[in-house]
């Protein structure tokens, strides 16, 4: 099993938080939300903002969306990809994205 990058870990963590989409649209809202709800520092928030930007700027424009699948034992984030049937894991989604670029 390959080790996950920092970006991958941040992305997964953000998905698990289920932050309302309106709270991630602008940096100031995102910062306020994370400080109030989780007590995070500015450095932590900056790192998460970069991961959020990747999710919206790169993935959305490539026709990729995150989907949270709920199982009796927990949740898992999978990715729906336009033109590719089914849901994909983060690693395979990145491979498909690289093939399309």
C-alpha atoms as a PDB file:
ATOM      1  CA  UNK A   1       0.000   0.000   0.000  1.00  0.00           C
ATOM      2  CA  UNK A   2       1.416   3.368  -1.039  1.00  0.00           C
ATOM      3  CA  UNK A   3       1.715   6.160   1.483  1.00  0.00           C
ATOM      4  CA  UNK A   4      -0.723   9.002   1.006  1.00  0.00           C
ATOM      5  CA  UNK A   5       0.501  12.485   0.230  1.00  0.00           C
ATOM      6  CA  UNK A   6      -0.247  15.369   2.542  1.00  0.00           C
ATOM      7  CA  UNK A   7      -2.692  16.707  -0.038  1.00  0.00           C
ATOM      8  CA  UNK A   8      -4.553  13.379  -0.143  1.00  0.00           C
ATOM      9  CA  UNK A   9      -4.800  13.252   3.645  1.00  0.00           C
ATOM     10  CA  UNK A  10      -6.090  16.843   3.799  1.00  0.00           C
ATOM     11  CA  UNK A  11      -8.639  16.121   1.071  1.00  0.00           C
ATOM     12  CA  UNK A  12      -9.948  13.064   2.901  1.00  0.00           C
ATOM     13  CA  UNK A  13     -10.070  14.926   6.201  1.00  0.00           C
ATOM     14  CA  UNK A  14     -12.017  17.778   4.619  1.00  0.00           C
ATOM     15  CA  UNK A  15     -14.515  15.329   3.160  1.00  0.00           C
ATOM     16  CA  UNK A  16     -15.044  13.689   6.552  1.00  0.00           C
ATOM     17  CA  UNK A  17     -15.747  17.071   8.147  1.00  0.00           C
ATOM     18  CA  UNK A  18     -18.711  17.584   5.825  1.00  0.00           C
ATOM     19  CA  UNK A  19     -18.219  21.350   5.901  1.00  0.00           C
ATOM     20  CA  UNK A  20     -21.193  23.127   4.325  1.00  0.00           C
ATOM     21  CA  UNK A  21     -20.291  24.137   0.766  1.00  0.00           C
ATOM     22  CA  UNK A  22     -21.115  27.792   1.434  1.00  0.00           C
ATOM     23  CA  UNK A  23     -18.448  27.822   4.158  1.00  0.00           C
ATOM     24  CA  UNK A  24     -15.739  26.842   1.673  1.00  0.00           C
ATOM     25  CA  UNK A  25     -16.583  29.296  -1.106  1.00  0.00           C
ATOM     26  CA  UNK A  26     -14.499  32.174   0.253  1.00  0.00           C
ATOM     27  CA  UNK A  27     -11.339  32.098   2.327  1.00  0.00           C
ATOM     28  CA  UNK A  28     -12.680  34.395   5.045  1.00  0.00           C
ATOM     29  CA  UNK A  29     -15.749  32.207   5.581  1.00  0.00           C
ATOM     30  CA  UNK A  30     -13.627  29.060   5.557  1.00  0.00           C
ATOM     31  CA  UNK A  31     -11.173  30.576   8.055  1.00  0.00           C
ATOM     32  CA  UNK A  32     -13.931  31.748  10.388  1.00  0.00           C
ATOM     33  CA  UNK A  33     -15.714  28.392  10.249  1.00  0.00           C
ATOM     34  CA  UNK A  34     -12.594  26.352  11.050  1.00  0.00           C
ATOM     35  CA  UNK A  35     -11.486  28.675  13.846  1.00  0.00           C
ATOM     36  CA  UNK A  36     -14.919  28.692  15.494  1.00  0.00           C
ATOM     37  CA  UNK A  37     -15.790  25.033  14.991  1.00  0.00           C
ATOM     38  CA  UNK A  38     -12.393  23.380  15.387  1.00  0.00           C
ATOM     39  CA  UNK A  39     -10.055  25.961  16.893  1.00  0.00           C
ATOM     40  CA  UNK A  40      -7.503  25.610  14.089  1.00  0.00           C
ATOM     41  CA  UNK A  41      -4.544  27.941  13.602  1.00  0.00           C
ATOM     42  CA  UNK A  42      -3.936  30.144  10.549  1.00  0.00           C
ATOM     43  CA  UNK A  43      -1.179  27.818   9.279  1.00  0.00           C
ATOM     44  CA  UNK A  44      -3.473  24.793   9.484  1.00  0.00           C
ATOM     45  CA  UNK A  45      -6.252  26.696   7.763  1.00  0.00           C
ATOM     46  CA  UNK A  46      -3.935  27.782   4.928  1.00  0.00           C
ATOM     47  CA  UNK A  47      -2.958  24.174   4.244  1.00  0.00           C
ATOM     48  CA  UNK A  48      -6.588  23.067   4.201  1.00  0.00           C
ATOM     49  CA  UNK A  49      -7.556  25.989   1.953  1.00  0.00           C
ATOM     50  CA  UNK A  50      -5.025  24.810  -0.626  1.00  0.00           C
ATOM     51  CA  UNK A  51      -6.536  21.324  -0.563  1.00  0.00           C
ATOM     52  CA  UNK A  52     -10.037  22.806  -0.889  1.00  0.00           C
ATOM     53  CA  UNK A  53      -8.923  24.902  -3.834  1.00  0.00           C
ATOM     54  CA  UNK A  54      -7.600  21.811  -5.550  1.00  0.00           C
ATOM     55  CA  UNK A  55     -10.914  20.081  -5.066  1.00  0.00           C
ATOM     56  CA  UNK A  56     -12.936  22.916  -6.556  1.00  0.00           C
ATOM     57  CA  UNK A  57     -10.605  24.387  -9.156  1.00  0.00           C
ATOM     58  CA  UNK A  58      -9.009  21.282 -10.622  1.00  0.00           C
ATOM     59  CA  UNK A  59     -11.467  18.484  -9.981  1.00  0.00           C
ATOM     60  CA  UNK A  60     -14.670  20.376 -10.756  1.00  0.00           C
ATOM     61  CA  UNK A  61     -13.359  21.714 -14.058  1.00  0.00           C
ATOM     62  CA  UNK A  62     -12.298  18.164 -15.032  1.00  0.00           C
ATOM     63  CA  UNK A  63     -15.793  16.803 -14.373  1.00  0.00           C
ATOM     64  CA  UNK A  64     -14.863  15.055 -11.131  1.00  0.00           C
ATOM     65  CA  UNK A  65     -16.930  15.309  -7.969  1.00  0.00           C
ATOM     66  CA  UNK A  66     -16.461  13.900  -4.499  1.00  0.00           C
ATOM     67  CA  UNK A  67     -19.182  11.583  -3.217  1.00  0.00           C
ATOM     68  CA  UNK A  68     -19.436  10.468   0.395  1.00  0.00           C
ATOM     69  CA  UNK A  69     -20.598   6.865   0.587  1.00  0.00           C
ATOM     70  CA  UNK A  70     -22.174   5.941   3.923  1.00  0.00           C
ATOM     71  CA  UNK A  71     -21.817   2.368   5.153  1.00  0.00           C
ATOM     72  CA  UNK A  72     -23.070   0.912   8.446  1.00  0.00           C
ATOM     73  CA  UNK A  73     -19.440   0.925   9.660  1.00  0.00           C
ATOM     74  CA  UNK A  74     -18.518   4.423   8.506  1.00  0.00           C
ATOM     75  CA  UNK A  75     -18.060   6.757   5.560  1.00  0.00           C
ATOM     76  CA  UNK A  76     -15.805   6.698   2.544  1.00  0.00           C
ATOM     77  CA  UNK A  77     -15.101   9.382  -0.034  1.00  0.00           C
ATOM     78  CA  UNK A  78     -15.209   8.173  -3.631  1.00  0.00           C
ATOM     79  CA  UNK A  79     -15.060  10.181  -6.839  1.00  0.00           C
ATOM     80  CA  UNK A  80     -17.567  10.323  -9.683  1.00  0.00           C
ATOM     81  CA  UNK A  81     -15.878  11.035 -13.009  1.00  0.00           C
ATOM     82  CA  UNK A  82     -17.742  12.280 -16.072  1.00  0.00           C
ATOM     83  CA  UNK A  83     -17.454   9.644 -18.799  1.00  0.00           C
ATOM     84  CA  UNK A  84     -16.279   6.888 -16.444  1.00  0.00           C
ATOM     85  CA  UNK A  85     -18.947   4.653 -14.906  1.00  0.00           C
ATOM     86  CA  UNK A  86     -18.877   3.958 -11.193  1.00  0.00           C
ATOM     87  CA  UNK A  87     -17.119   5.587  -8.264  1.00  0.00           C
ATOM     88  CA  UNK A  88     -13.339   5.684  -7.922  1.00  0.00           C
ATOM     89  CA  UNK A  89     -10.798   5.978  -5.112  1.00  0.00           C
ATOM     90  CA  UNK A  90      -8.461   8.966  -4.790  1.00  0.00           C
ATOM     91  CA  UNK A  91      -5.443   7.244  -6.364  1.00  0.00           C
ATOM     92  CA  UNK A  92      -7.314   5.985  -9.431  1.00  0.00           C
ATOM     93  CA  UNK A  93      -9.103   9.334  -9.798  1.00  0.00           C
ATOM     94  CA  UNK A  94      -5.701  11.081  -9.911  1.00  0.00           C
ATOM     95  CA  UNK A  95      -4.514   8.596 -12.567  1.00  0.00           C
ATOM     96  CA  UNK A  96      -7.595   9.237 -14.707  1.00  0.00           C
ATOM     97  CA  UNK A  97      -7.170  12.979 -14.256  1.00  0.00           C
ATOM     98  CA  UNK A  98      -3.518  12.742 -15.377  1.00  0.00           C
ATOM     99  CA  UNK A  99      -4.547  10.729 -18.453  1.00  0.00           C
ATOM    100  CA  UNK A 100      -7.024  13.445 -19.437  1.00  0.00           C
ATOM    101  CA  UNK A 101      -4.549  16.320 -19.133  1.00  0.00           C
END
